[in-house]
Protein backbone atom coordinates (compact mmCIF):
# COMPACT_ATOMS: atom_id res chain seq x y z
CA MET A 1 218.98 193.21 45.52
CA THR A 2 219.90 189.61 44.47
CA CYS A 3 222.74 187.84 43.81
CA THR A 4 222.48 186.14 40.43
CA TYR A 5 224.70 183.12 41.55
CA THR A 6 223.32 180.95 44.51
CA ASP A 7 225.07 177.59 43.68
CA ILE A 8 228.73 178.65 43.73
CA PRO A 9 231.06 175.86 44.93
CA LYS A 10 232.11 176.55 48.17
CA LEU A 11 236.00 176.83 47.86
CA GLY A 12 237.13 179.77 45.95
CA PHE A 13 240.73 180.66 44.76
CA GLY A 14 242.20 183.83 46.19
CA PHE A 15 245.14 185.59 43.85
CA MET A 16 246.89 187.21 46.79
CA ARG A 17 249.15 184.90 47.54
CA LEU A 18 250.96 183.20 44.55
CA PRO A 19 253.76 181.33 44.02
CA GLU A 20 256.60 183.54 43.05
CA TYR A 21 260.35 183.33 42.21
CA GLU A 22 263.05 185.95 41.87
CA CYS A 23 264.19 187.25 39.21
CA ASP A 24 267.34 190.51 38.63
CA GLY A 25 265.98 190.92 42.40
CA GLU A 26 262.21 191.14 42.06
CA LYS A 27 259.54 189.26 42.54
CA VAL A 28 257.92 187.42 39.77
CA ILE A 29 254.53 185.61 39.96
CA ASP A 30 255.72 181.52 38.64
CA ILE A 31 253.00 181.84 35.89
CA GLU A 32 253.08 177.96 35.01
CA ARG A 33 252.94 177.08 38.49
CA VAL A 34 249.33 179.02 38.92
CA LYS A 35 248.45 177.47 35.78
CA GLY A 36 249.12 173.96 37.38
CA MET A 37 247.13 175.22 40.95
CA VAL A 38 244.03 176.20 38.47
CA ASP A 39 243.84 173.29 36.32
CA ALA A 40 243.68 170.85 39.96
CA PHE A 41 241.33 173.34 41.09
CA MET A 42 239.20 173.61 38.35
CA ASP A 43 239.08 169.62 37.85
CA ALA A 44 237.97 169.22 41.17
CA GLY A 45 234.98 171.42 40.15
CA PHE A 46 235.39 174.79 42.16
CA THR A 47 235.11 177.59 39.71
CA TYR A 48 235.03 181.21 41.41
CA PHE A 49 238.37 183.42 41.67
CA ASP A 50 239.39 186.36 43.52
CA THR A 51 241.66 189.27 42.74
CA ALA A 52 242.48 192.78 42.84
CA ARG A 53 244.05 195.99 41.74
CA GLY A 54 246.38 195.93 44.55
CA TYR A 55 247.50 192.17 44.71
CA HIS A 56 250.88 191.63 43.96
CA GLY A 57 251.82 194.88 43.59
CA GLY A 58 249.43 195.21 40.48
CA LYS A 59 250.44 191.75 38.54
CA SER A 60 247.37 189.89 40.34
CA GLU A 61 244.90 190.49 37.85
CA ALA A 62 246.90 189.71 34.71
CA ALA A 63 248.48 186.67 36.35
CA LEU A 64 244.32 185.82 36.55
CA ARG A 65 243.92 186.40 32.68
CA GLU A 66 246.80 183.94 31.96
CA ALA A 67 246.25 181.14 34.22
CA VAL A 68 242.34 181.34 33.87
CA VAL A 69 240.29 183.73 31.10
CA GLU A 70 242.78 182.61 28.35
CA ARG A 71 242.46 178.82 29.34
CA TYR A 72 239.33 178.30 30.12
CA PRO A 73 235.78 179.14 28.22
CA ARG A 74 234.47 182.03 30.33
CA GLU A 75 231.06 180.45 31.32
CA SER A 76 232.96 177.85 33.56
CA PHE A 77 234.06 180.42 36.01
CA GLN A 78 233.60 183.15 38.24
CA VAL A 79 235.83 186.20 38.42
CA ALA A 80 236.12 189.07 41.25
CA THR A 81 238.05 191.72 41.50
CA LYS A 82 238.18 195.27 43.42
CA LEU A 83 238.69 198.60 43.13
CA PRO A 84 240.71 200.20 45.79
CA ALA A 85 240.03 204.01 46.09
CA TRP A 86 242.18 204.56 48.74
CA MET A 87 245.24 203.80 46.19
CA ALA A 88 244.30 206.30 43.63
CA LYS A 89 245.00 210.35 43.78
CA SER A 90 241.76 211.25 42.48
CA ALA A 91 237.97 210.17 41.46
CA ASP A 92 239.10 210.19 37.57
CA HIS A 93 242.16 207.70 38.77
CA ALA A 94 239.59 205.24 40.81
CA ARG A 95 237.25 205.39 38.18
CA ALA A 96 239.80 204.72 35.31
CA MET A 97 240.93 201.22 37.90
CA PHE A 98 237.76 200.04 36.40
CA ASP A 99 238.63 199.88 32.99
CA LYS A 100 242.15 199.00 34.09
CA SER A 101 240.94 195.76 36.07
CA LEU A 102 238.72 195.17 33.06
CA SER A 103 241.63 194.96 30.65
CA GLN A 104 244.52 193.37 32.67
CA THR A 105 241.69 190.49 33.34
CA GLY A 106 240.80 190.40 30.34
CA ALA A 107 237.41 188.97 31.44
CA GLY A 108 234.96 190.74 29.38
CA TYR A 109 232.65 191.42 32.59
CA PHE A 110 233.07 190.72 36.14
CA ASP A 111 230.68 188.10 37.71
CA PHE A 112 232.04 189.69 41.06
CA PHE A 113 232.66 193.66 41.69
CA LEU A 114 233.34 194.99 45.03
CA LEU A 115 234.34 198.32 46.71
CA HIS A 116 237.53 197.37 48.54
CA ASN A 117 238.28 197.42 51.80
CA LEU A 118 235.65 199.67 53.41
CA GLY A 119 235.97 200.53 57.00
CA GLU A 120 237.51 203.48 59.06
CA ASP A 121 238.40 206.67 56.57
CA ARG A 122 238.35 204.54 54.08
CA THR A 123 234.94 204.35 53.53
CA LYS A 124 234.39 208.05 53.12
CA LEU A 125 236.45 207.96 49.90
CA PHE A 126 234.02 205.91 47.98
CA ASP A 127 230.99 208.36 48.86
CA ASP A 128 233.13 211.61 48.18
CA TRP A 129 234.38 210.21 44.88
CA GLY A 130 230.52 208.51 43.39
CA LEU A 131 231.78 205.91 43.45
CA TRP A 132 229.15 203.67 44.06
CA ASP A 133 226.79 205.37 41.46
CA PHE A 134 229.71 204.65 38.63
CA LEU A 135 229.68 201.12 39.26
CA ALA A 136 225.85 201.15 39.59
CA GLU A 137 226.23 202.48 36.06
CA LYS A 138 228.48 199.56 34.93
CA LYS A 139 226.14 197.22 36.30
CA GLU A 140 223.52 198.67 33.99
CA ALA A 141 225.59 198.43 31.01
CA GLY A 142 226.09 194.75 31.69
CA LEU A 143 229.73 194.80 32.88
CA ILE A 144 229.57 193.98 36.19
CA ARG A 145 226.97 191.08 37.62
CA ASN A 146 227.14 191.29 40.98
CA LEU A 147 228.07 194.63 43.16
CA GLY A 148 229.29 194.45 46.55
CA PHE A 149 232.20 195.55 48.64
CA SER A 150 234.58 193.82 51.18
CA ILE A 151 235.32 195.46 54.54
CA HIS A 152 237.19 195.38 57.53
CA ASP A 153 235.39 197.20 60.48
CA LYS A 154 233.21 196.42 63.42
CA ALA A 155 229.52 195.14 62.54
CA ASP A 156 228.83 199.11 63.41
CA ALA A 157 230.32 200.71 60.64
CA LEU A 158 229.12 197.67 58.54
CA GLU A 159 225.32 198.54 59.27
CA GLU A 160 226.25 202.25 58.33
CA VAL A 161 227.27 201.27 54.95
CA LEU A 162 224.22 199.18 54.55
CA ALA A 163 222.10 201.64 55.73
CA ALA A 164 223.39 204.36 53.13
CA HIS A 165 223.89 201.87 50.25
CA PRO A 166 220.93 198.86 50.63
CA ALA A 167 221.19 197.83 46.78
CA VAL A 168 224.35 195.63 46.95
CA ASP A 169 224.38 192.09 46.18
CA PHE A 170 226.69 190.78 48.64
CA VAL A 171 229.18 191.68 50.99
CA GLN A 172 232.47 190.25 51.74
CA LEU A 173 233.72 189.59 55.33
CA GLN A 174 236.35 188.06 57.69
CA VAL A 175 235.00 185.28 59.22
CA ASN A 176 237.03 182.33 60.97
CA TYR A 177 236.50 180.41 64.44
CA ALA A 178 239.49 182.14 65.99
CA ASP A 179 237.67 185.65 65.71
CA TRP A 180 234.38 184.47 65.85
CA GLU A 181 233.41 186.47 69.00
CA SER A 182 236.54 188.82 68.85
CA GLU A 183 235.97 192.06 69.80
CA THR A 184 238.31 194.10 67.63
CA ILE A 185 236.88 191.82 64.65
CA GLU A 186 233.60 191.13 65.46
CA SER A 187 233.21 187.98 62.78
CA ARG A 188 229.97 186.83 64.35
CA LYS A 189 228.33 190.34 64.86
CA CYS A 190 229.52 191.46 60.94
CA TYR A 191 228.16 188.25 59.78
CA GLU A 192 224.75 188.39 61.38
CA VAL A 193 224.55 192.35 60.22
CA ALA A 194 224.91 190.71 56.47
CA ARG A 195 222.37 188.47 57.14
CA ALA A 196 220.12 190.58 58.44
CA HIS A 197 219.92 192.49 55.34
CA GLY A 198 219.49 189.27 53.37
CA LEU A 199 222.73 189.55 51.88
CA PRO A 200 224.67 186.54 51.00
CA VAL A 201 228.31 186.52 52.61
CA ILE A 202 231.90 185.84 51.05
CA VAL A 203 234.21 184.71 53.26
CA MET A 204 237.57 186.23 53.39
CA GLU A 205 240.27 184.76 55.37
CA PRO A 206 239.13 181.78 56.78
CA VAL A 207 242.60 180.56 57.58
CA LYS A 208 243.53 184.07 59.38
CA GLY A 209 246.16 184.37 56.51
CA GLY A 210 247.24 180.84 57.03
CA SER A 211 247.67 181.09 61.40
CA LEU A 212 245.01 179.07 61.88
CA VAL A 213 247.71 175.77 60.59
CA LYS A 214 250.11 177.12 63.22
CA LEU A 215 247.89 176.38 66.56
CA PRO A 216 249.37 175.80 69.94
CA ASP A 217 249.83 172.32 70.50
CA ALA A 218 246.91 172.22 73.38
CA ALA A 219 244.59 173.54 70.57
CA VAL A 220 246.21 170.80 67.89
CA ASP A 221 245.25 167.79 70.17
CA VAL A 222 242.10 168.95 70.58
CA LEU A 223 241.55 169.09 66.97
CA TYR A 224 243.54 165.57 66.45
CA GLY A 225 241.74 164.21 69.24
CA VAL A 226 237.93 164.70 67.53
CA ASN A 227 239.36 163.63 64.02
CA PRO A 228 243.36 162.67 63.66
CA GLU A 229 243.00 162.75 59.81
CA ALA A 230 241.61 166.18 59.30
CA SER A 231 243.96 168.92 58.29
CA LEU A 232 243.74 171.80 60.30
CA ALA A 233 243.12 173.54 57.34
CA SER A 234 239.78 171.60 56.56
CA TRP A 235 238.44 173.02 60.02
CA ALA A 236 238.82 176.36 59.70
CA LEU A 237 237.79 175.91 56.03
CA ARG A 238 234.58 173.88 57.06
CA PHE A 239 233.58 176.13 59.89
CA ALA A 240 233.03 178.97 57.57
CA ALA A 241 231.63 177.24 54.97
CA SER A 242 228.92 175.66 57.15
CA LEU A 243 227.42 179.16 58.40
CA PRO A 244 223.96 179.80 56.41
CA GLY A 245 224.29 182.10 53.56
CA VAL A 246 227.98 181.66 52.81
CA LEU A 247 228.38 181.61 49.13
CA THR A 248 231.66 180.66 49.10
CA VAL A 249 235.01 180.76 51.15
CA LEU A 250 238.12 182.48 49.83
CA SER A 251 241.67 181.03 50.34
CA GLY A 252 244.89 182.63 49.13
CA MET A 253 246.32 179.04 47.87
CA SER A 254 249.94 179.31 47.62
CA THR A 255 251.15 175.44 46.25
CA LEU A 256 249.50 172.98 44.78
CA GLU A 257 249.28 170.92 47.90
CA GLN A 258 247.07 173.72 49.45
CA VAL A 259 244.90 173.45 46.41
CA ARG A 260 245.05 169.42 46.70
CA GLU A 261 244.20 170.09 50.81
CA ASN A 262 241.34 172.59 50.66
CA VAL A 263 239.57 170.66 47.60
CA ARG A 264 239.37 167.88 49.38
CA ALA A 265 237.92 169.33 52.27
CA LEU A 266 235.34 171.24 50.66
CA ALA A 267 234.21 168.97 47.82
CA VAL A 268 231.60 167.71 49.56
CA PRO A 269 230.85 170.31 52.18
CA GLU A 270 229.47 168.75 55.55
CA PRO A 271 228.28 170.86 58.17
CA LEU A 272 230.26 170.58 61.52
CA SER A 273 228.71 168.06 63.70
CA ASP A 274 228.01 168.93 67.28
CA VAL A 275 231.48 167.83 68.70
CA GLU A 276 233.42 169.15 66.26
CA ALA A 277 231.80 172.85 66.74
CA ASN A 278 232.05 172.23 70.69
CA ALA A 279 235.92 171.48 69.64
CA LEU A 280 236.27 174.71 67.90
CA VAL A 281 234.85 176.29 71.35
CA GLN A 282 237.73 174.50 73.39
CA VAL A 283 240.27 175.74 70.87
CA ARG A 284 239.18 179.57 70.71
CA ALA A 285 239.42 179.41 74.62
CA ILE A 286 242.63 178.04 74.66
CA LEU A 287 243.77 180.64 72.28
CA ASN A 288 241.92 183.53 74.00
CA GLY A 289 244.04 182.10 77.04
CA ILE A 290 247.20 183.23 75.94
CA PRO A 291 248.80 186.12 76.91
CA THR A 292 248.12 189.27 74.40
CA VAL A 293 248.40 192.67 74.14
CA PRO A 294 244.99 193.79 75.03
CA CYS A 295 244.11 196.14 72.46
CA THR A 296 240.05 196.24 71.93
CA ASP A 297 240.79 198.38 68.66
CA CYS A 298 238.74 201.31 70.28
CA ARG A 299 240.72 203.19 68.24
CA TYR A 300 240.92 206.23 70.70
CA CYS A 301 244.79 206.00 70.11
CA LEU A 302 244.30 207.08 66.30
CA LYS A 303 242.31 210.03 67.09
CA SER A 304 244.87 211.52 69.70
CA CYS A 305 248.12 210.35 67.83
CA PRO A 306 250.03 213.61 66.62
CA GLN A 307 252.30 210.96 64.03
CA ASP A 308 249.54 208.95 62.83
CA VAL A 309 250.91 205.84 64.02
CA ARG A 310 248.89 202.72 62.72
CA ILE A 311 248.84 201.72 66.59
CA PRO A 312 245.84 199.39 66.59
CA THR A 313 247.59 197.09 63.22
CA ALA A 314 251.13 197.29 65.52
CA LEU A 315 249.66 195.44 68.85
CA ALA A 316 247.38 192.97 65.98
CA SER A 317 251.10 191.90 64.79
CA LEU A 318 252.47 191.57 68.22
CA ASN A 319 249.32 189.46 69.03
CA ILE A 320 249.42 187.12 65.51
CA LEU A 321 253.20 186.16 67.31
CA ALA A 322 251.97 185.73 70.88
CA LEU A 323 249.11 183.48 69.50
CA TYR A 324 250.33 181.56 66.04
CA GLY A 325 254.23 181.99 66.19
CA ASP A 326 253.32 182.85 63.02
CA GLU A 327 256.23 185.24 61.47
CA HIS A 328 254.97 185.44 57.71
CA ARG A 329 251.29 186.36 58.76
CA ALA A 330 252.57 188.86 61.16
CA GLN A 331 255.02 190.40 59.07
CA GLU A 332 252.13 190.34 56.21
CA ASN A 333 250.28 192.52 58.52
CA TYR A 334 252.09 194.43 59.34
CA ASP A 335 253.32 195.85 55.85
CA TRP A 336 249.75 195.54 54.48
CA ASN A 337 248.54 197.87 57.07
CA ALA A 338 250.65 199.91 58.97
CA SER A 339 253.15 201.06 55.73
CA ASP A 340 251.57 204.66 55.98
CA GLY A 341 251.65 204.68 59.99
CA PRO A 342 254.96 202.45 61.40
CA ALA A 343 255.58 202.36 64.41
CA SER A 344 259.17 203.55 64.07
CA SER A 345 257.44 207.10 63.94
CA CYS A 346 256.57 206.66 67.57
CA ILE A 347 257.99 209.94 69.20
CA ALA A 348 257.25 208.56 72.67
CA CYS A 349 254.73 211.84 73.42
CA GLY A 350 252.69 209.43 75.64
CA ILE A 351 249.36 211.04 74.62
CA CYS A 352 247.97 207.64 73.35
CA GLU A 353 248.28 205.79 76.62
CA GLY A 354 246.43 208.43 78.33
CA VAL A 355 243.76 207.80 76.48
CA CYS A 356 243.67 203.82 76.41
CA PRO A 357 241.02 202.65 78.40
CA GLN A 358 243.19 198.84 78.83
CA HIS A 359 246.03 201.08 80.15
CA ILE A 360 248.60 199.05 77.65
CA ALA A 361 252.27 200.83 77.70
CA ILE A 362 251.61 201.58 73.83
CA VAL A 363 255.14 203.27 73.80
CA ASP A 364 256.77 200.23 74.74
CA GLU A 365 255.10 197.97 72.64
CA LEU A 366 255.44 200.18 69.62
CA ALA A 367 259.39 200.20 70.21
CA ARG A 368 258.62 196.15 70.32
CA ALA A 369 257.07 196.61 67.02
CA ALA A 370 259.22 198.64 65.25
CA GLU A 371 262.05 195.96 66.31
CA LEU A 372 260.41 193.11 65.18
CA PHE A 373 258.54 194.24 61.93
CA GLU A 374 260.85 197.07 60.17
CA GLY A 375 264.13 195.78 59.23
CA ASP A 376 265.46 199.16 58.57
CA ALA A 377 264.52 200.34 62.40
CA ARG A 378 266.85 197.56 63.99
């Protein structure tokens, strides 16, 4: 298949970390601030907006309608949203999500539509419920211009999905310079699989949820030594945008200042120079030299845990703290990915430690994660 868009501006606006305020004890999207951010984004010549059914507790798509769709001509921007089958109670419920997204966004059609967050045991659900064929029919009906998927898994899993479903127009991958050679994320390997299939890539997590603007001092010194005027975020965005075949690079922006900073970085996207690329290699080496929990995400522990504790997720959050000191991102990762198997449910049986190739003291690390990330468990 061929993507119908080939010249999208290199920065996309992710509607997943929008500004909020509290009202009667509930978080509410600050839609007026979002409108100001959208205006600055559009005024700078950028046009791609990314949302999903589950973002902001199901409120993101409606926010996009109010801030973008109802205020700009439909042909002046692109809308992407996603169907999270793993949030559905049944196949019918999952299919109904498409119509709900169409209604909530008011977009009329989707420029990009994604099967959301494939990987691990989530992938099978999309097949079992016939969602690939269902969405292909929506595309045939003109309600989807480009059909693809996002995935948080390793390169072999991506290859399996593409082998089973070659008629996709694009893939959305986690790509950033910190994870480029990671054994757990396999950012480079996944990118190369997508390109080997001739598919364009939409990049998610280019700044690793904001962690790459909270680098250790030694890493900051390397980057400022090359260009003291460049923001830390700009290094991350330009790394991703420089890769051949990247359609656009998503950023979940929360403030007007972030929008202005990011549009400056990619207004005229310049490939990294050899000196700049080498600086990022040095930064990656500094990060790799920081002691962390040596989890390789082999998932043997998941197969053996009687409590279904999300062990790799808990360890990943601990490592985010160790590498970047980023409490917000560590907590966010934990809340998003470990809610169905929290560390506090560990019964200290030790089975996981018996199968761990890295000989990690998993029980102790889970106790630490529960203390740090679960308020009720303290």
